[in-house]
């Protein structure tokens, strides 16, 4: 019996509990640009009123979804705030497995959420991307770029 339990634990490590971002990150978010940062859930569903659908990120537990990209959280580590007494901020380091348009890759990111002037804001800094494979599974020599994206909450 012990051997069976040990074999199952090795074969299905994700079954023990999927990684998830803290609940403060959950919801729909729109990547900011110079204009058109209004994001209403009703408009997104119907793609009306010039909704910025291609810039929307949906975060739900272990999943981060974009217009043509899906990511699953592999590991999440909550990080301390610069000011430990500030309950308005949450920071996390996340490792993700992503795919989109036939390609697959892994990413390491830092996530930060806080409320500024009554508006909830998420900042995601991509530290590195590795393991790119194209739609046929071939390795791709794609540069790993540091990126930062600011998101506003959709209403």
N, C-alpha and C. Protein backbone atom coordinates (compact mmCIF):
# COMPACT_ATOMS: atom_id res chain seq x y z
N UNK A 1 0.81 -1.18 0.00
CA UNK A 1 0.00 0.00 0.00
C UNK A 1 0.87 1.26 0.00
N UNK A 2 1.94 1.27 0.79
CA UNK A 2 2.83 2.42 0.84
C UNK A 2 3.43 2.70 -0.53
N UNK A 3 3.81 1.65 -1.23
CA UNK A 3 4.40 1.81 -2.56
C UNK A 3 3.40 2.46 -3.51
N UNK A 4 2.13 2.07 -3.43
CA UNK A 4 1.10 2.64 -4.29
C UNK A 4 0.91 4.12 -3.99
N UNK A 5 0.85 4.48 -2.72
CA UNK A 5 0.69 5.88 -2.34
C UNK A 5 1.89 6.69 -2.82
N UNK A 6 3.10 6.16 -2.63
CA UNK A 6 4.31 6.85 -3.07
C UNK A 6 4.33 7.00 -4.59
N UNK A 7 3.95 5.96 -5.32
CA UNK A 7 3.92 6.01 -6.78
C UNK A 7 2.91 7.04 -7.27
N UNK A 8 1.75 7.11 -6.64
CA UNK A 8 0.74 8.10 -7.03
C UNK A 8 1.21 9.51 -6.73
N UNK A 9 1.91 9.71 -5.63
CA UNK A 9 2.42 11.05 -5.28
C UNK A 9 3.43 11.52 -6.30
N UNK A 10 4.24 10.62 -6.80
CA UNK A 10 5.23 10.99 -7.83
C UNK A 10 4.55 11.21 -9.17
N UNK A 11 3.61 10.34 -9.51
CA UNK A 11 2.94 10.44 -10.81
C UNK A 11 2.03 11.65 -10.93
N UNK A 12 1.43 12.07 -9.83
CA UNK A 12 0.46 13.17 -9.86
C UNK A 12 0.78 14.25 -8.83
N UNK A 13 1.94 14.92 -8.95
CA UNK A 13 2.30 15.92 -7.96
C UNK A 13 1.35 17.11 -7.93
N UNK A 14 0.74 17.48 -9.06
CA UNK A 14 -0.16 18.63 -9.11
C UNK A 14 -1.47 18.35 -8.37
N UNK A 15 -1.80 17.10 -8.22
CA UNK A 15 -3.05 16.76 -7.57
C UNK A 15 -3.06 17.17 -6.10
N UNK A 16 -1.88 17.36 -5.52
CA UNK A 16 -1.79 17.74 -4.12
C UNK A 16 -2.34 19.15 -3.88
N UNK A 17 -2.50 19.94 -4.90
CA UNK A 17 -3.01 21.30 -4.76
C UNK A 17 -2.35 22.21 -5.76
N UNK A 18 -3.14 22.78 -6.63
CA UNK A 18 -2.59 23.65 -7.67
C UNK A 18 -2.17 24.98 -7.05
N UNK A 19 -1.13 25.58 -7.63
CA UNK A 19 -0.68 26.90 -7.20
C UNK A 19 -1.74 27.93 -7.61
N UNK A 20 -1.90 28.96 -6.81
CA UNK A 20 -2.87 30.01 -7.12
C UNK A 20 -2.35 31.34 -6.58
N UNK A 21 -2.63 32.40 -7.33
CA UNK A 21 -2.31 33.74 -6.86
C UNK A 21 -3.23 34.10 -5.70
N UNK A 22 -2.79 34.98 -4.80
CA UNK A 22 -3.70 35.45 -3.74
C UNK A 22 -4.98 36.02 -4.36
N UNK A 23 -6.07 35.89 -3.64
CA UNK A 23 -7.39 36.27 -4.13
C UNK A 23 -7.46 37.73 -4.59
N UNK A 24 -6.62 38.60 -4.06
CA UNK A 24 -6.63 40.01 -4.44
C UNK A 24 -6.36 40.22 -5.93
N UNK A 25 -5.75 39.24 -6.60
CA UNK A 25 -5.45 39.36 -8.03
C UNK A 25 -6.59 38.86 -8.91
N UNK A 26 -7.56 38.19 -8.34
CA UNK A 26 -8.65 37.61 -9.13
C UNK A 26 -9.51 38.68 -9.79
N UNK A 27 -10.00 38.35 -10.99
CA UNK A 27 -10.90 39.24 -11.69
C UNK A 27 -10.47 39.51 -13.11
N UNK A 28 -11.13 40.50 -13.72
CA UNK A 28 -10.81 40.93 -15.07
C UNK A 28 -10.03 42.23 -15.00
N UNK A 29 -8.98 42.33 -15.81
CA UNK A 29 -8.08 43.47 -15.81
C UNK A 29 -7.81 43.91 -17.24
N UNK A 30 -7.65 45.21 -17.46
CA UNK A 30 -7.31 45.72 -18.79
C UNK A 30 -5.93 46.35 -18.74
N UNK A 31 -5.06 45.94 -19.68
CA UNK A 31 -3.72 46.52 -19.78
C UNK A 31 -3.85 47.97 -20.20
N UNK A 32 -3.16 48.85 -19.51
CA UNK A 32 -3.29 50.29 -19.77
C UNK A 32 -2.58 50.71 -21.04
N UNK A 33 -3.15 51.72 -21.66
CA UNK A 33 -2.57 52.39 -22.82
C UNK A 33 -2.85 53.87 -22.64
N UNK A 34 -2.43 54.68 -23.60
CA UNK A 34 -2.63 56.12 -23.50
C UNK A 34 -4.11 56.50 -23.47
N UNK A 35 -4.97 55.70 -24.13
CA UNK A 35 -6.41 55.96 -24.16
C UNK A 35 -7.17 54.64 -24.08
N UNK A 36 -8.49 54.72 -23.99
CA UNK A 36 -9.38 53.56 -24.01
C UNK A 36 -9.05 52.55 -22.91
N UNK A 37 -9.02 53.03 -21.66
CA UNK A 37 -8.76 52.16 -20.53
C UNK A 37 -10.02 51.78 -19.77
N UNK A 38 -11.17 52.19 -20.29
CA UNK A 38 -12.43 51.79 -19.67
C UNK A 38 -12.68 50.32 -19.98
N UNK A 39 -13.08 49.59 -18.98
CA UNK A 39 -13.29 48.16 -19.19
C UNK A 39 -14.53 47.75 -18.39
N UNK A 40 -15.60 47.45 -19.11
CA UNK A 40 -16.83 46.99 -18.49
C UNK A 40 -17.06 45.54 -18.90
N UNK A 41 -17.31 44.69 -17.91
CA UNK A 41 -17.51 43.27 -18.19
C UNK A 41 -18.61 43.05 -19.22
N UNK A 42 -19.70 43.81 -19.13
CA UNK A 42 -20.80 43.65 -20.08
C UNK A 42 -20.34 43.93 -21.51
N UNK A 43 -19.51 44.95 -21.70
CA UNK A 43 -19.02 45.27 -23.04
C UNK A 43 -18.09 44.18 -23.56
N UNK A 44 -17.29 43.60 -22.66
CA UNK A 44 -16.35 42.56 -23.08
C UNK A 44 -17.08 41.33 -23.61
N UNK A 45 -18.12 40.92 -22.91
CA UNK A 45 -18.87 39.72 -23.31
C UNK A 45 -19.45 39.87 -24.71
N UNK A 46 -19.88 41.07 -25.03
CA UNK A 46 -20.53 41.31 -26.33
C UNK A 46 -19.59 41.99 -27.33
N UNK A 47 -18.35 42.26 -26.90
CA UNK A 47 -17.37 42.96 -27.74
C UNK A 47 -17.99 44.20 -28.39
N UNK A 48 -18.57 45.08 -27.54
CA UNK A 48 -19.20 46.30 -28.04
C UNK A 48 -18.57 47.52 -27.36
N UNK A 49 -18.96 48.69 -27.80
CA UNK A 49 -18.47 49.96 -27.25
C UNK A 49 -16.95 50.07 -27.28
N UNK A 50 -16.36 49.55 -28.35
CA UNK A 50 -14.91 49.62 -28.53
C UNK A 50 -14.17 48.97 -27.36
N UNK A 51 -14.71 47.87 -26.85
CA UNK A 51 -14.10 47.16 -25.72
C UNK A 51 -12.69 46.68 -26.09
N UNK A 52 -11.71 46.90 -25.19
CA UNK A 52 -10.32 46.52 -25.47
C UNK A 52 -10.07 45.03 -25.20
N UNK A 53 -10.80 44.15 -25.84
CA UNK A 53 -10.78 42.72 -25.58
C UNK A 53 -9.37 42.13 -25.67
N UNK A 54 -8.58 42.56 -26.64
CA UNK A 54 -7.24 42.00 -26.84
C UNK A 54 -6.28 42.37 -25.70
N UNK A 55 -6.65 43.35 -24.86
CA UNK A 55 -5.78 43.77 -23.75
C UNK A 55 -6.28 43.29 -22.39
N UNK A 56 -7.28 42.43 -22.38
CA UNK A 56 -7.88 41.99 -21.12
C UNK A 56 -7.20 40.72 -20.60
N UNK A 57 -6.98 40.71 -19.29
CA UNK A 57 -6.41 39.56 -18.60
C UNK A 57 -7.45 39.10 -17.57
N UNK A 58 -7.71 37.80 -17.55
CA UNK A 58 -8.62 37.22 -16.57
C UNK A 58 -7.80 36.35 -15.61
N UNK A 59 -7.94 36.61 -14.31
CA UNK A 59 -7.21 35.83 -13.31
C UNK A 59 -8.23 35.11 -12.44
N UNK A 60 -8.09 33.79 -12.38
CA UNK A 60 -9.02 32.98 -11.61
C UNK A 60 -8.24 31.83 -10.99
N UNK A 61 -7.85 31.98 -9.75
CA UNK A 61 -7.13 30.92 -9.05
C UNK A 61 -5.83 30.56 -9.72
N UNK A 62 -5.77 29.37 -10.29
CA UNK A 62 -4.54 28.86 -10.89
C UNK A 62 -4.40 29.22 -12.37
N UNK A 63 -5.32 30.02 -12.93
CA UNK A 63 -5.31 30.32 -14.36
C UNK A 63 -5.23 31.82 -14.63
N UNK A 64 -4.42 32.16 -15.62
CA UNK A 64 -4.32 33.53 -16.11
C UNK A 64 -4.57 33.43 -17.61
N UNK A 65 -5.64 34.08 -18.08
CA UNK A 65 -6.02 33.98 -19.49
C UNK A 65 -6.04 35.34 -20.16
N UNK A 66 -5.58 35.35 -21.40
CA UNK A 66 -5.59 36.53 -22.25
C UNK A 66 -6.38 36.19 -23.51
N UNK A 67 -6.46 37.12 -24.43
CA UNK A 67 -7.23 36.95 -25.65
C UNK A 67 -6.86 35.66 -26.39
N UNK A 68 -5.57 35.42 -26.62
CA UNK A 68 -5.15 34.22 -27.34
C UNK A 68 -4.08 33.44 -26.59
N UNK A 69 -3.98 33.65 -25.29
CA UNK A 69 -2.96 32.99 -24.47
C UNK A 69 -3.58 32.49 -23.18
N UNK A 70 -3.16 31.32 -22.78
CA UNK A 70 -3.61 30.72 -21.52
C UNK A 70 -2.38 30.34 -20.71
N UNK A 71 -2.38 30.67 -19.41
CA UNK A 71 -1.27 30.30 -18.53
C UNK A 71 -1.83 29.60 -17.29
N UNK A 72 -1.07 28.63 -16.81
CA UNK A 72 -1.41 27.93 -15.59
C UNK A 72 -0.28 28.16 -14.61
N UNK A 73 -0.64 28.56 -13.40
CA UNK A 73 0.37 28.81 -12.37
C UNK A 73 0.98 27.48 -11.92
N UNK A 74 2.29 27.43 -11.90
CA UNK A 74 3.01 26.25 -11.46
C UNK A 74 3.41 26.39 -9.99
N UNK A 75 3.95 27.56 -9.65
CA UNK A 75 4.29 27.87 -8.26
C UNK A 75 3.98 29.33 -7.99
N UNK A 76 3.61 29.63 -6.76
CA UNK A 76 3.36 31.01 -6.33
C UNK A 76 3.98 31.17 -4.95
N UNK A 77 4.73 32.25 -4.79
CA UNK A 77 5.33 32.56 -3.49
C UNK A 77 4.93 33.99 -3.13
N UNK A 78 4.22 34.13 -2.04
CA UNK A 78 3.85 35.48 -1.59
C UNK A 78 5.11 36.18 -1.11
N UNK A 79 5.27 37.44 -1.52
CA UNK A 79 6.45 38.22 -1.16
C UNK A 79 6.07 39.30 -0.15
N UNK A 80 7.00 39.68 0.71
CA UNK A 80 6.69 40.73 1.70
C UNK A 80 6.60 42.10 1.04
N UNK A 81 5.86 43.00 1.67
CA UNK A 81 5.77 44.40 1.23
C UNK A 81 6.97 45.16 1.78
N UNK A 82 7.33 46.26 1.12
CA UNK A 82 8.39 47.12 1.62
C UNK A 82 8.01 47.66 3.01
N UNK A 83 6.72 47.95 3.19
CA UNK A 83 6.20 48.39 4.47
C UNK A 83 5.28 47.29 5.00
N UNK A 84 5.77 46.45 5.92
CA UNK A 84 4.98 45.30 6.39
C UNK A 84 3.61 45.66 6.95
N UNK A 85 3.43 46.88 7.44
CA UNK A 85 2.14 47.27 7.99
C UNK A 85 1.12 47.69 6.94
N UNK A 86 1.54 47.82 5.68
CA UNK A 86 0.65 48.26 4.61
C UNK A 86 -0.18 47.09 4.11
N UNK A 87 -1.45 47.05 4.49
CA UNK A 87 -2.36 45.97 4.07
C UNK A 87 -2.99 46.26 2.72
N UNK A 88 -2.65 47.39 2.10
CA UNK A 88 -3.20 47.81 0.82
C UNK A 88 -2.47 47.15 -0.36
N UNK A 89 -1.33 46.51 -0.10
CA UNK A 89 -0.52 45.93 -1.17
C UNK A 89 -0.35 44.44 -0.97
N UNK A 90 -0.27 43.72 -2.09
CA UNK A 90 0.04 42.29 -2.07
C UNK A 90 1.04 42.05 -3.19
N UNK A 91 2.09 41.29 -2.88
CA UNK A 91 3.13 40.96 -3.85
C UNK A 91 3.29 39.45 -3.93
N UNK A 92 3.59 38.96 -5.12
CA UNK A 92 3.80 37.52 -5.30
C UNK A 92 4.77 37.28 -6.45
N UNK A 93 5.50 36.19 -6.34
CA UNK A 93 6.36 35.71 -7.43
C UNK A 93 5.69 34.47 -8.00
N UNK A 94 5.58 34.40 -9.32
CA UNK A 94 4.84 33.30 -9.93
C UNK A 94 5.63 32.68 -11.08
N UNK A 95 5.56 31.36 -11.16
CA UNK A 95 6.07 30.61 -12.30
C UNK A 95 4.86 30.07 -13.04
N UNK A 96 4.82 30.33 -14.36
CA UNK A 96 3.67 29.94 -15.17
C UNK A 96 4.08 29.07 -16.35
N UNK A 97 3.18 28.20 -16.75
CA UNK A 97 3.31 27.45 -18.00
C UNK A 97 2.25 28.03 -18.93
N UNK A 98 2.69 28.55 -20.09
CA UNK A 98 1.78 29.26 -20.99
C UNK A 98 1.73 28.63 -22.36
N UNK A 99 0.62 28.88 -23.06
CA UNK A 99 0.49 28.47 -24.45
C UNK A 99 -0.44 29.43 -25.16
N UNK A 100 -0.18 29.59 -26.44
CA UNK A 100 -1.01 30.45 -27.25
C UNK A 100 -0.63 30.34 -28.71
N UNK A 101 -1.62 30.28 -29.56
CA UNK A 101 -1.42 30.17 -31.01
C UNK A 101 -0.47 29.03 -31.36
N UNK A 102 -0.56 27.92 -30.61
CA UNK A 102 0.24 26.74 -30.89
C UNK A 102 1.58 26.70 -30.21
N UNK A 103 2.06 27.80 -29.67
CA UNK A 103 3.36 27.84 -29.00
C UNK A 103 3.21 27.56 -27.51
N UNK A 104 4.30 27.12 -26.89
CA UNK A 104 4.34 26.84 -25.46
C UNK A 104 5.59 27.46 -24.87
N UNK A 105 5.53 27.96 -23.63
CA UNK A 105 6.69 28.51 -22.95
C UNK A 105 6.42 28.60 -21.46
N UNK A 106 7.47 28.88 -20.71
CA UNK A 106 7.37 29.09 -19.26
C UNK A 106 7.76 30.53 -18.96
N UNK A 107 7.20 31.08 -17.89
CA UNK A 107 7.49 32.46 -17.52
C UNK A 107 7.67 32.58 -16.01
N UNK A 108 8.53 33.49 -15.60
CA UNK A 108 8.69 33.87 -14.19
C UNK A 108 8.31 35.33 -14.10
N UNK A 109 7.36 35.65 -13.17
CA UNK A 109 6.83 37.01 -13.07
C UNK A 109 6.71 37.44 -11.61
N UNK A 110 6.76 38.76 -11.41
CA UNK A 110 6.46 39.37 -10.12
C UNK A 110 5.11 40.09 -10.28
N UNK A 111 4.19 39.83 -9.37
CA UNK A 111 2.85 40.42 -9.40
C UNK A 111 2.68 41.34 -8.19
N UNK A 112 2.07 42.50 -8.42
CA UNK A 112 1.83 43.48 -7.36
C UNK A 112 0.43 44.04 -7.56
N UNK A 113 -0.34 44.13 -6.49
CA UNK A 113 -1.67 44.73 -6.55
C UNK A 113 -1.81 45.72 -5.39
N UNK A 114 -2.46 46.85 -5.67
CA UNK A 114 -2.79 47.82 -4.63
C UNK A 114 -3.91 48.72 -5.13
N UNK A 115 -4.50 49.45 -4.21
CA UNK A 115 -5.54 50.40 -4.56
C UNK A 115 -4.94 51.79 -4.53
N UNK A 116 -5.10 52.53 -5.64
CA UNK A 116 -4.57 53.88 -5.77
C UNK A 116 -5.73 54.80 -6.12
N UNK A 117 -5.95 55.83 -5.32
CA UNK A 117 -7.07 56.76 -5.53
C UNK A 117 -8.39 56.02 -5.74
N UNK A 118 -8.59 54.98 -4.96
CA UNK A 118 -9.84 54.24 -5.04
C UNK A 118 -9.93 53.25 -6.19
N UNK A 119 -8.86 53.13 -7.00
CA UNK A 119 -8.86 52.20 -8.14
C UNK A 119 -7.87 51.07 -7.88
N UNK A 120 -8.32 49.85 -8.12
CA UNK A 120 -7.46 48.70 -7.96
C UNK A 120 -6.55 48.58 -9.19
N UNK A 121 -5.25 48.42 -8.94
CA UNK A 121 -4.25 48.37 -10.01
C UNK A 121 -3.36 47.14 -9.80
N UNK A 122 -3.09 46.43 -10.89
CA UNK A 122 -2.16 45.30 -10.86
C UNK A 122 -0.98 45.64 -11.77
N UNK A 123 0.22 45.36 -11.28
CA UNK A 123 1.43 45.53 -12.09
C UNK A 123 2.09 44.15 -12.18
N UNK A 124 2.35 43.70 -13.42
CA UNK A 124 3.00 42.41 -13.65
C UNK A 124 4.33 42.67 -14.36
N UNK A 125 5.40 42.21 -13.73
CA UNK A 125 6.73 42.33 -14.34
C UNK A 125 7.20 40.94 -14.72
N UNK A 126 7.36 40.73 -16.02
CA UNK A 126 7.88 39.47 -16.53
C UNK A 126 9.40 39.50 -16.42
N UNK A 127 9.96 38.58 -15.65
CA UNK A 127 11.41 38.54 -15.44
C UNK A 127 12.13 37.73 -16.50
N UNK A 128 11.52 36.61 -16.89
CA UNK A 128 12.13 35.80 -17.94
C UNK A 128 11.11 34.83 -18.54
N UNK A 129 11.37 34.46 -19.77
CA UNK A 129 10.57 33.47 -20.48
C UNK A 129 11.55 32.42 -20.99
N UNK A 130 11.20 31.15 -20.81
CA UNK A 130 12.09 30.07 -21.21
C UNK A 130 11.29 28.95 -21.88
N UNK A 131 12.02 28.06 -22.52
CA UNK A 131 11.41 26.85 -23.07
C UNK A 131 10.44 27.06 -24.21
N UNK A 132 10.64 28.09 -25.02
CA UNK A 132 9.73 28.33 -26.15
C UNK A 132 9.74 27.15 -27.10
N UNK A 133 8.55 26.72 -27.47
CA UNK A 133 8.37 25.69 -28.50
C UNK A 133 7.26 26.14 -29.42
N UNK A 134 7.47 25.95 -30.72
CA UNK A 134 6.45 26.37 -31.68
C UNK A 134 5.34 25.34 -31.77
N UNK A 135 4.41 25.56 -32.70
CA UNK A 135 3.24 24.68 -32.81
C UNK A 135 3.59 23.24 -33.17
N UNK A 136 4.80 23.01 -33.68
CA UNK A 136 5.24 21.65 -34.00
C UNK A 136 6.14 21.07 -32.91
N UNK A 137 6.29 21.81 -31.81
CA UNK A 137 7.10 21.33 -30.69
C UNK A 137 8.58 21.60 -30.83
N UNK A 138 8.97 22.36 -31.85
CA UNK A 138 10.40 22.66 -32.05
C UNK A 138 10.83 23.79 -31.13
N UNK A 139 12.04 23.64 -30.55
CA UNK A 139 12.60 24.69 -29.70
C UNK A 139 12.80 25.96 -30.52
N UNK A 140 12.53 27.09 -29.89
CA UNK A 140 12.71 28.38 -30.54
C UNK A 140 13.72 29.20 -29.73
N UNK A 141 14.64 29.85 -30.41
CA UNK A 141 15.61 30.73 -29.76
C UNK A 141 15.00 32.12 -29.67
N UNK A 142 14.12 32.30 -28.71
CA UNK A 142 13.43 33.56 -28.52
C UNK A 142 14.07 34.28 -27.33
N UNK A 143 14.39 35.55 -27.49
CA UNK A 143 15.03 36.26 -26.37
C UNK A 143 14.09 36.38 -25.18
N UNK A 144 14.67 36.29 -23.99
CA UNK A 144 13.92 36.47 -22.76
C UNK A 144 13.95 37.95 -22.42
N UNK A 145 12.78 38.59 -22.41
CA UNK A 145 12.70 40.02 -22.20
C UNK A 145 12.08 40.34 -20.83
N UNK A 146 12.56 41.42 -20.21
CA UNK A 146 11.92 41.93 -19.00
C UNK A 146 10.84 42.88 -19.46
N UNK A 147 9.60 42.64 -19.02
CA UNK A 147 8.47 43.48 -19.41
C UNK A 147 7.69 43.88 -18.16
N UNK A 148 7.05 45.03 -18.23
CA UNK A 148 6.16 45.47 -17.14
C UNK A 148 4.86 45.96 -17.76
N UNK A 149 3.75 45.46 -17.23
CA UNK A 149 2.44 45.86 -17.70
C UNK A 149 1.60 46.29 -16.51
N UNK A 150 0.91 47.41 -16.66
CA UNK A 150 0.02 47.94 -15.62
C UNK A 150 -1.41 47.67 -16.07
N UNK A 151 -2.22 47.14 -15.15
CA UNK A 151 -3.62 46.81 -15.44
C UNK A 151 -4.56 47.55 -14.50
N UNK A 152 -5.70 48.00 -15.04
CA UNK A 152 -6.80 48.53 -14.24
C UNK A 152 -7.87 47.46 -14.13
N UNK A 153 -8.59 47.45 -13.02
CA UNK A 153 -9.68 46.50 -12.84
C UNK A 153 -10.85 46.84 -13.76
N UNK A 154 -11.46 45.81 -14.32
CA UNK A 154 -12.67 46.00 -15.13
C UNK A 154 -13.87 46.02 -14.18
N UNK A 155 -14.87 46.81 -14.56
CA UNK A 155 -16.07 46.93 -13.71
C UNK A 155 -17.24 46.22 -14.33
